[in-house]
Amino acid sequence: MTDPHNAVTSPLNSTSTELASRRTGMAFQRTRLAADRTLMAVIRTSLSLLSFGFTIHKVFDQLKENGVIAHAASGRNFGLSLVLIGAFVLLMGIVYHAWFMIALRRERGGMRDAGMLHAESPFPPSMTLVTALLLLALGVATAVSMIYRVGPFT
């Protein structure tokens, strides 16, 4: 008679555990990619705001230079406002993405340490985050150029 408290794990149970561990690992990868897609949506939105703002700013500058309008300050200020909003939206997206990825890595590490996850597949840094940081630097440079009328964006 077999004692149920000393039951031997069957091969089926170990296979089931292995499959669950692999599915969980893939779920982490899908979540990471979803976070990247969310950051890409923020990049798309902020890039639109940055480019519309810069374009509006330049149009009103050209209209004033050509003598079509006497005062271009309100149009330039509106364009600058769009650039600043775009940079702020991107900054908030970067902060949220970084916070989320740190929490996801921490959760993944905890599950790996508990033996619930193999974590054999890499969890690389986000190239989307690098792109967002570069765009943020460009947005800030554009805003500074528009405010102080210096640099290549004047």
N, C-alpha and C. Protein backbone atom coordinates (compact mmCIF):
# COMPACT_ATOMS: atom_id res chain seq x y z
N MET A 1 0.84 -1.18 0.00
CA MET A 1 0.00 0.00 0.00
C MET A 1 0.89 1.24 0.00
N THR A 2 0.51 2.23 -0.80
CA THR A 2 1.31 3.43 -0.96
C THR A 2 0.80 4.52 -0.03
N ASP A 3 1.74 5.18 0.62
CA ASP A 3 1.41 6.28 1.52
C ASP A 3 1.20 7.55 0.69
N PRO A 4 0.01 8.18 0.74
CA PRO A 4 -0.27 9.36 -0.10
C PRO A 4 0.59 10.56 0.27
N HIS A 5 1.13 10.59 1.48
CA HIS A 5 1.96 11.73 1.89
C HIS A 5 3.35 11.64 1.29
N ASN A 6 3.77 10.49 0.89
CA ASN A 6 5.08 10.30 0.28
C ASN A 6 4.93 9.95 -1.20
N ALA A 7 3.97 10.54 -1.85
CA ALA A 7 3.70 10.22 -3.25
C ALA A 7 4.87 10.70 -4.12
N VAL A 8 5.21 9.87 -5.07
CA VAL A 8 6.27 10.21 -6.01
C VAL A 8 5.65 11.03 -7.14
N THR A 9 6.37 12.07 -7.55
CA THR A 9 5.88 12.90 -8.64
C THR A 9 5.94 12.11 -9.93
N SER A 10 4.84 12.08 -10.63
CA SER A 10 4.79 11.34 -11.87
C SER A 10 5.41 12.18 -12.98
N PRO A 11 5.87 11.52 -14.06
CA PRO A 11 6.42 12.28 -15.19
C PRO A 11 5.40 13.27 -15.77
N LEU A 12 4.13 12.92 -15.70
CA LEU A 12 3.10 13.80 -16.22
C LEU A 12 3.08 15.11 -15.44
N ASN A 13 3.20 15.03 -14.12
CA ASN A 13 3.19 16.24 -13.31
C ASN A 13 4.39 17.12 -13.59
N SER A 14 5.57 16.53 -13.78
CA SER A 14 6.74 17.35 -14.06
C SER A 14 6.63 17.99 -15.45
N THR A 15 6.03 17.27 -16.40
CA THR A 15 5.81 17.84 -17.72
C THR A 15 4.83 19.00 -17.64
N SER A 16 3.80 18.84 -16.86
CA SER A 16 2.81 19.89 -16.69
C SER A 16 3.44 21.13 -16.05
N THR A 17 4.28 20.92 -15.06
CA THR A 17 4.96 22.03 -14.40
C THR A 17 5.91 22.73 -15.36
N GLU A 18 6.61 21.94 -16.15
CA GLU A 18 7.53 22.50 -17.14
C GLU A 18 6.79 23.35 -18.16
N LEU A 19 5.66 22.86 -18.65
CA LEU A 19 4.87 23.62 -19.61
C LEU A 19 4.33 24.91 -19.00
N ALA A 20 3.88 24.83 -17.77
CA ALA A 20 3.37 26.03 -17.10
C ALA A 20 4.48 27.06 -16.91
N SER A 21 5.67 26.60 -16.57
CA SER A 21 6.80 27.50 -16.40
C SER A 21 7.16 28.18 -17.72
N ARG A 22 7.15 27.42 -18.79
CA ARG A 22 7.47 27.99 -20.11
C ARG A 22 6.39 28.98 -20.55
N ARG A 23 5.14 28.66 -20.31
CA ARG A 23 4.04 29.58 -20.68
C ARG A 23 4.14 30.88 -19.89
N THR A 24 4.51 30.75 -18.62
CA THR A 24 4.66 31.95 -17.79
C THR A 24 5.80 32.81 -18.32
N GLY A 25 6.90 32.16 -18.72
CA GLY A 25 8.02 32.91 -19.29
C GLY A 25 7.62 33.64 -20.56
N MET A 26 6.85 32.97 -21.40
CA MET A 26 6.38 33.61 -22.62
C MET A 26 5.41 34.75 -22.31
N ALA A 27 4.62 34.60 -21.26
CA ALA A 27 3.70 35.67 -20.87
C ALA A 27 4.48 36.92 -20.45
N PHE A 28 5.61 36.73 -19.77
CA PHE A 28 6.45 37.87 -19.41
C PHE A 28 6.99 38.56 -20.67
N GLN A 29 7.39 37.77 -21.65
CA GLN A 29 7.89 38.36 -22.90
C GLN A 29 6.78 39.13 -23.62
N ARG A 30 5.57 38.58 -23.64
CA ARG A 30 4.46 39.28 -24.29
C ARG A 30 4.13 40.58 -23.55
N THR A 31 4.21 40.56 -22.24
CA THR A 31 3.95 41.76 -21.45
C THR A 31 5.01 42.82 -21.72
N ARG A 32 6.26 42.39 -21.82
CA ARG A 32 7.35 43.32 -22.13
C ARG A 32 7.13 43.97 -23.49
N LEU A 33 6.75 43.16 -24.47
CA LEU A 33 6.50 43.70 -25.81
C LEU A 33 5.29 44.63 -25.83
N ALA A 34 4.28 44.32 -25.03
CA ALA A 34 3.11 45.20 -24.93
C ALA A 34 3.51 46.55 -24.34
N ALA A 35 4.41 46.54 -23.35
CA ALA A 35 4.89 47.79 -22.77
C ALA A 35 5.65 48.60 -23.82
N ASP A 36 6.43 47.93 -24.66
CA ASP A 36 7.13 48.62 -25.74
C ASP A 36 6.14 49.23 -26.73
N ARG A 37 5.08 48.50 -27.06
CA ARG A 37 4.07 49.04 -27.98
C ARG A 37 3.38 50.25 -27.38
N THR A 38 3.14 50.22 -26.09
CA THR A 38 2.52 51.37 -25.43
C THR A 38 3.44 52.58 -25.50
N LEU A 39 4.73 52.36 -25.27
CA LEU A 39 5.68 53.47 -25.37
C LEU A 39 5.75 53.98 -26.81
N MET A 40 5.65 53.10 -27.79
CA MET A 40 5.64 53.54 -29.19
C MET A 40 4.43 54.42 -29.48
N ALA A 41 3.29 54.12 -28.88
CA ALA A 41 2.11 54.96 -29.06
C ALA A 41 2.34 56.34 -28.45
N VAL A 42 3.00 56.39 -27.30
CA VAL A 42 3.33 57.67 -26.68
C VAL A 42 4.31 58.44 -27.57
N ILE A 43 5.29 57.74 -28.13
CA ILE A 43 6.25 58.38 -29.03
C ILE A 43 5.52 58.97 -30.23
N ARG A 44 4.61 58.22 -30.80
CA ARG A 44 3.85 58.68 -31.97
C ARG A 44 3.07 59.95 -31.63
N THR A 45 2.41 59.96 -30.48
CA THR A 45 1.62 61.12 -30.07
C THR A 45 2.51 62.33 -29.82
N SER A 46 3.59 62.13 -29.09
CA SER A 46 4.46 63.26 -28.77
C SER A 46 5.18 63.77 -30.01
N LEU A 47 5.54 62.88 -30.93
CA LEU A 47 6.17 63.32 -32.17
C LEU A 47 5.21 64.18 -32.99
N SER A 48 3.94 63.82 -32.99
CA SER A 48 2.95 64.65 -33.67
C SER A 48 2.86 66.03 -33.04
N LEU A 49 2.80 66.07 -31.71
CA LEU A 49 2.73 67.36 -31.02
C LEU A 49 3.98 68.19 -31.28
N LEU A 50 5.15 67.57 -31.21
CA LEU A 50 6.40 68.28 -31.45
C LEU A 50 6.46 68.85 -32.87
N SER A 51 6.12 68.02 -33.84
CA SER A 51 6.22 68.48 -35.23
C SER A 51 5.15 69.51 -35.57
N PHE A 52 3.93 69.34 -35.09
CA PHE A 52 2.90 70.36 -35.33
C PHE A 52 3.29 71.68 -34.68
N GLY A 53 3.79 71.60 -33.46
CA GLY A 53 4.19 72.82 -32.76
C GLY A 53 5.31 73.55 -33.47
N PHE A 54 6.31 72.80 -33.90
CA PHE A 54 7.43 73.42 -34.62
C PHE A 54 6.96 74.04 -35.93
N THR A 55 6.09 73.32 -36.64
CA THR A 55 5.58 73.82 -37.92
C THR A 55 4.77 75.10 -37.73
N ILE A 56 3.89 75.12 -36.76
CA ILE A 56 3.09 76.32 -36.49
C ILE A 56 4.00 77.49 -36.13
N HIS A 57 4.99 77.23 -35.31
CA HIS A 57 5.95 78.27 -34.92
C HIS A 57 6.65 78.84 -36.15
N LYS A 58 7.13 77.98 -37.04
CA LYS A 58 7.85 78.43 -38.24
C LYS A 58 6.92 79.16 -39.22
N VAL A 59 5.69 78.70 -39.37
CA VAL A 59 4.75 79.36 -40.27
C VAL A 59 4.50 80.79 -39.82
N PHE A 60 4.26 80.97 -38.53
CA PHE A 60 3.99 82.33 -38.04
C PHE A 60 5.24 83.20 -38.13
N ASP A 61 6.42 82.63 -37.93
CA ASP A 61 7.65 83.40 -38.13
C ASP A 61 7.78 83.87 -39.57
N GLN A 62 7.53 82.97 -40.51
CA GLN A 62 7.64 83.32 -41.93
C GLN A 62 6.59 84.36 -42.33
N LEU A 63 5.37 84.22 -41.80
CA LEU A 63 4.34 85.22 -42.11
C LEU A 63 4.73 86.60 -41.61
N LYS A 64 5.35 86.67 -40.45
CA LYS A 64 5.78 87.96 -39.91
C LYS A 64 6.95 88.52 -40.72
N GLU A 65 7.91 87.66 -41.06
CA GLU A 65 9.06 88.11 -41.85
C GLU A 65 8.63 88.63 -43.23
N ASN A 66 7.63 88.03 -43.82
CA ASN A 66 7.15 88.44 -45.14
C ASN A 66 6.15 89.59 -45.09
N GLY A 67 5.86 90.07 -43.89
CA GLY A 67 4.98 91.21 -43.74
C GLY A 67 3.50 90.90 -43.91
N VAL A 68 3.13 89.63 -43.90
CA VAL A 68 1.73 89.26 -44.05
C VAL A 68 0.95 89.58 -42.78
N ILE A 69 1.58 89.38 -41.63
CA ILE A 69 0.94 89.71 -40.35
C ILE A 69 1.90 90.58 -39.55
N ALA A 70 1.33 91.38 -38.67
CA ALA A 70 2.16 92.30 -37.87
C ALA A 70 2.65 91.63 -36.59
N HIS A 71 1.80 90.82 -35.98
CA HIS A 71 2.16 90.21 -34.71
C HIS A 71 2.06 88.69 -34.85
N ALA A 72 3.15 88.01 -34.58
CA ALA A 72 3.16 86.56 -34.69
C ALA A 72 3.35 85.88 -33.34
N ALA A 73 3.33 86.66 -32.27
CA ALA A 73 3.65 86.11 -30.95
C ALA A 73 2.66 85.04 -30.52
N SER A 74 1.38 85.24 -30.75
CA SER A 74 0.40 84.25 -30.29
C SER A 74 0.56 82.92 -31.02
N GLY A 75 0.80 82.96 -32.32
CA GLY A 75 1.02 81.73 -33.09
C GLY A 75 2.29 81.03 -32.68
N ARG A 76 3.36 81.83 -32.48
CA ARG A 76 4.62 81.23 -32.03
C ARG A 76 4.46 80.63 -30.63
N ASN A 77 3.74 81.32 -29.77
CA ASN A 77 3.53 80.80 -28.41
C ASN A 77 2.71 79.51 -28.43
N PHE A 78 1.72 79.46 -29.31
CA PHE A 78 0.93 78.24 -29.44
C PHE A 78 1.81 77.08 -29.93
N GLY A 79 2.64 77.35 -30.92
CA GLY A 79 3.55 76.32 -31.41
C GLY A 79 4.51 75.86 -30.33
N LEU A 80 5.06 76.81 -29.59
CA LEU A 80 5.95 76.46 -28.48
C LEU A 80 5.22 75.63 -27.43
N SER A 81 3.98 76.00 -27.16
CA SER A 81 3.18 75.23 -26.18
C SER A 81 3.00 73.78 -26.63
N LEU A 82 2.73 73.57 -27.91
CA LEU A 82 2.59 72.20 -28.42
C LEU A 82 3.89 71.42 -28.28
N VAL A 83 5.02 72.08 -28.56
CA VAL A 83 6.32 71.41 -28.42
C VAL A 83 6.56 71.03 -26.96
N LEU A 84 6.27 71.95 -26.04
CA LEU A 84 6.47 71.66 -24.62
C LEU A 84 5.54 70.55 -24.13
N ILE A 85 4.30 70.57 -24.59
CA ILE A 85 3.36 69.50 -24.22
C ILE A 85 3.84 68.16 -24.77
N GLY A 86 4.31 68.16 -26.02
CA GLY A 86 4.83 66.93 -26.61
C GLY A 86 6.02 66.38 -25.83
N ALA A 87 6.92 67.26 -25.42
CA ALA A 87 8.08 66.82 -24.63
C ALA A 87 7.63 66.30 -23.26
N PHE A 88 6.66 66.97 -22.66
CA PHE A 88 6.17 66.53 -21.34
C PHE A 88 5.47 65.17 -21.44
N VAL A 89 4.65 64.99 -22.48
CA VAL A 89 3.97 63.70 -22.68
C VAL A 89 5.00 62.59 -22.85
N LEU A 90 6.03 62.86 -23.63
CA LEU A 90 7.08 61.87 -23.84
C LEU A 90 7.82 61.57 -22.55
N LEU A 91 8.12 62.59 -21.78
CA LEU A 91 8.80 62.38 -20.49
C LEU A 91 7.96 61.50 -19.57
N MET A 92 6.66 61.76 -19.51
CA MET A 92 5.79 60.95 -18.66
C MET A 92 5.71 59.50 -19.17
N GLY A 93 5.69 59.34 -20.48
CA GLY A 93 5.69 57.99 -21.06
C GLY A 93 6.96 57.23 -20.73
N ILE A 94 8.11 57.92 -20.78
CA ILE A 94 9.39 57.30 -20.45
C ILE A 94 9.43 56.90 -18.98
N VAL A 95 8.98 57.79 -18.11
CA VAL A 95 8.98 57.49 -16.67
C VAL A 95 8.07 56.29 -16.39
N TYR A 96 6.88 56.28 -16.96
CA TYR A 96 5.97 55.16 -16.74
C TYR A 96 6.56 53.86 -17.27
N HIS A 97 7.14 53.90 -18.47
CA HIS A 97 7.72 52.70 -19.06
C HIS A 97 8.86 52.15 -18.19
N ALA A 98 9.73 53.05 -17.73
CA ALA A 98 10.84 52.61 -16.88
C ALA A 98 10.32 52.01 -15.58
N TRP A 99 9.35 52.65 -14.96
CA TRP A 99 8.77 52.13 -13.71
C TRP A 99 8.15 50.75 -13.94
N PHE A 100 7.39 50.62 -15.02
CA PHE A 100 6.72 49.36 -15.32
C PHE A 100 7.73 48.25 -15.58
N MET A 101 8.77 48.54 -16.35
CA MET A 101 9.77 47.52 -16.68
C MET A 101 10.57 47.11 -15.45
N ILE A 102 10.87 48.03 -14.56
CA ILE A 102 11.56 47.67 -13.32
C ILE A 102 10.69 46.73 -12.49
N ALA A 103 9.40 47.05 -12.38
CA ALA A 103 8.49 46.19 -11.62
C ALA A 103 8.34 44.83 -12.29
N LEU A 104 8.29 44.78 -13.61
CA LEU A 104 8.17 43.52 -14.33
C LEU A 104 9.42 42.67 -14.15
N ARG A 105 10.58 43.28 -14.23
CA ARG A 105 11.83 42.54 -14.01
C ARG A 105 11.92 42.01 -12.58
N ARG A 106 11.46 42.82 -11.63
CA ARG A 106 11.47 42.39 -10.23
C ARG A 106 10.54 41.18 -10.03
N GLU A 107 9.37 41.25 -10.62
CA GLU A 107 8.41 40.14 -10.52
C GLU A 107 8.98 38.89 -11.18
N ARG A 108 9.58 39.05 -12.33
CA ARG A 108 10.18 37.92 -13.04
C ARG A 108 11.31 37.30 -12.22
N GLY A 109 12.14 38.15 -11.62
CA GLY A 109 13.23 37.64 -10.78
C GLY A 109 12.71 36.89 -9.57
N GLY A 110 11.65 37.40 -8.95
CA GLY A 110 11.05 36.71 -7.81
C GLY A 110 10.50 35.35 -8.19
N MET A 111 9.86 35.27 -9.35
CA MET A 111 9.32 33.98 -9.80
C MET A 111 10.45 33.02 -10.17
N ARG A 112 11.53 33.55 -10.75
CA ARG A 112 12.68 32.72 -11.09
C ARG A 112 13.32 32.17 -9.80
N ASP A 113 13.48 33.03 -8.80
CA ASP A 113 14.08 32.61 -7.54
C ASP A 113 13.22 31.59 -6.81
N ALA A 114 11.90 31.67 -6.99
CA ALA A 114 10.99 30.72 -6.35
C ALA A 114 10.89 29.41 -7.13
N GLY A 115 11.56 29.34 -8.29
CA GLY A 115 11.55 28.12 -9.09
C GLY A 115 10.30 27.97 -9.94
N MET A 116 9.54 29.03 -10.07
CA MET A 116 8.31 28.97 -10.86
C MET A 116 8.54 29.32 -12.32
N LEU A 117 9.74 29.77 -12.63
CA LEU A 117 10.05 30.27 -13.96
C LEU A 117 11.52 30.01 -14.23
N HIS A 118 11.82 29.54 -15.44
CA HIS A 118 13.21 29.27 -15.79
C HIS A 118 13.97 30.56 -16.09
N ALA A 119 13.31 31.50 -16.73
CA ALA A 119 13.91 32.78 -17.13
C ALA A 119 15.17 32.56 -17.95
N GLU A 120 15.10 31.60 -18.87
CA GLU A 120 16.25 31.32 -19.72
C GLU A 120 16.34 32.29 -20.88
N SER A 121 15.20 32.78 -21.36
CA SER A 121 15.22 33.71 -22.49
C SER A 121 15.64 35.09 -21.98
N PRO A 122 16.36 35.82 -22.82
CA PRO A 122 16.86 37.13 -22.38
C PRO A 122 15.72 38.13 -22.20
N PHE A 123 15.97 39.10 -21.38
CA PHE A 123 15.04 40.19 -21.12
C PHE A 123 15.80 41.47 -21.44
N PRO A 124 16.01 41.74 -22.74
CA PRO A 124 16.94 42.81 -23.14
C PRO A 124 16.41 44.20 -22.83
N PRO A 125 17.32 45.17 -22.82
CA PRO A 125 16.85 46.55 -22.66
C PRO A 125 16.01 46.96 -23.88
N SER A 126 15.15 47.90 -23.68
CA SER A 126 14.20 48.32 -24.71
C SER A 126 14.83 49.33 -25.66
N MET A 127 14.89 48.96 -26.95
CA MET A 127 15.36 49.91 -27.95
C MET A 127 14.32 51.02 -28.16
N THR A 128 13.08 50.73 -27.86
CA THR A 128 12.04 51.76 -27.94
C THR A 128 12.31 52.85 -26.91
N LEU A 129 12.79 52.45 -25.74
CA LEU A 129 13.13 53.43 -24.71
C LEU A 129 14.30 54.30 -25.15
N VAL A 130 15.27 53.73 -25.80
CA VAL A 130 16.40 54.50 -26.32
C VAL A 130 15.91 55.52 -27.35
N THR A 131 15.03 55.09 -28.23
CA THR A 131 14.45 55.99 -29.23
C THR A 131 13.68 57.13 -28.56
N ALA A 132 12.91 56.80 -27.53
CA ALA A 132 12.14 57.81 -26.82
C ALA A 132 13.06 58.83 -26.15
N LEU A 133 14.16 58.36 -25.57
CA LEU A 133 15.10 59.28 -24.93
C LEU A 133 15.76 60.21 -25.95
N LEU A 134 16.11 59.68 -27.11
CA LEU A 134 16.69 60.51 -28.15
C LEU A 134 15.68 61.55 -28.66
N LEU A 135 14.44 61.14 -28.83
CA LEU A 135 13.40 62.07 -29.26
C LEU A 135 13.15 63.13 -28.20
N LEU A 136 13.20 62.75 -26.94
CA LEU A 136 13.03 63.73 -25.86
C LEU A 136 14.14 64.78 -25.91
N ALA A 137 15.38 64.32 -26.12
CA ALA A 137 16.49 65.27 -26.22
C ALA A 137 16.28 66.22 -27.39
N LEU A 138 15.81 65.70 -28.52
CA LEU A 138 15.54 66.54 -29.68
C LEU A 138 14.40 67.53 -29.38
N GLY A 139 13.37 67.07 -28.69
CA GLY A 139 12.26 67.95 -28.34
C GLY A 139 12.68 69.07 -27.41
N VAL A 140 13.51 68.76 -26.43
CA VAL A 140 14.00 69.79 -25.51
C VAL A 140 14.89 70.78 -26.26
N ALA A 141 15.75 70.26 -27.14
CA ALA A 141 16.61 71.16 -27.93
C ALA A 141 15.76 72.07 -28.82
N THR A 142 14.70 71.53 -29.39
CA THR A 142 13.81 72.34 -30.22
C THR A 142 13.14 73.43 -29.40
N ALA A 143 12.65 73.08 -28.22
CA ALA A 143 11.98 74.06 -27.36
C ALA A 143 12.96 75.16 -26.94
N VAL A 144 14.17 74.80 -26.57
CA VAL A 144 15.18 75.80 -26.18
C VAL A 144 15.50 76.70 -27.36
N SER A 145 15.62 76.11 -28.53
CA SER A 145 15.90 76.88 -29.74
C SER A 145 14.77 77.85 -30.06
N MET A 146 13.55 77.41 -29.87
CA MET A 146 12.39 78.28 -30.14
C MET A 146 12.29 79.41 -29.12
N ILE A 147 12.61 79.12 -27.87
CA ILE A 147 12.50 80.14 -26.82
C ILE A 147 13.58 81.20 -26.98
N TYR A 148 14.83 80.75 -27.16
CA TYR A 148 15.96 81.68 -27.20
C TYR A 148 16.38 82.08 -28.61
N ARG A 149 15.71 81.54 -29.63
CA ARG A 149 16.00 81.84 -31.02
C ARG A 149 17.48 81.64 -31.36
N VAL A 150 17.98 80.46 -30.98
CA VAL A 150 19.37 80.09 -31.26
C VAL A 150 19.38 78.69 -31.84
N GLY A 151 20.44 78.35 -32.50
CA GLY A 151 20.61 76.99 -32.98
C GLY A 151 19.95 76.73 -34.30
N PRO A 152 19.93 75.48 -34.70
CA PRO A 152 19.43 75.12 -36.04
C PRO A 152 17.92 75.18 -36.17
N PHE A 153 17.18 75.31 -35.08
CA PHE A 153 15.72 75.25 -35.16
C PHE A 153 15.07 76.63 -35.17
N THR A 154 15.88 77.67 -35.37
CA THR A 154 15.30 79.03 -35.36
C THR A 154 14.78 79.41 -36.72
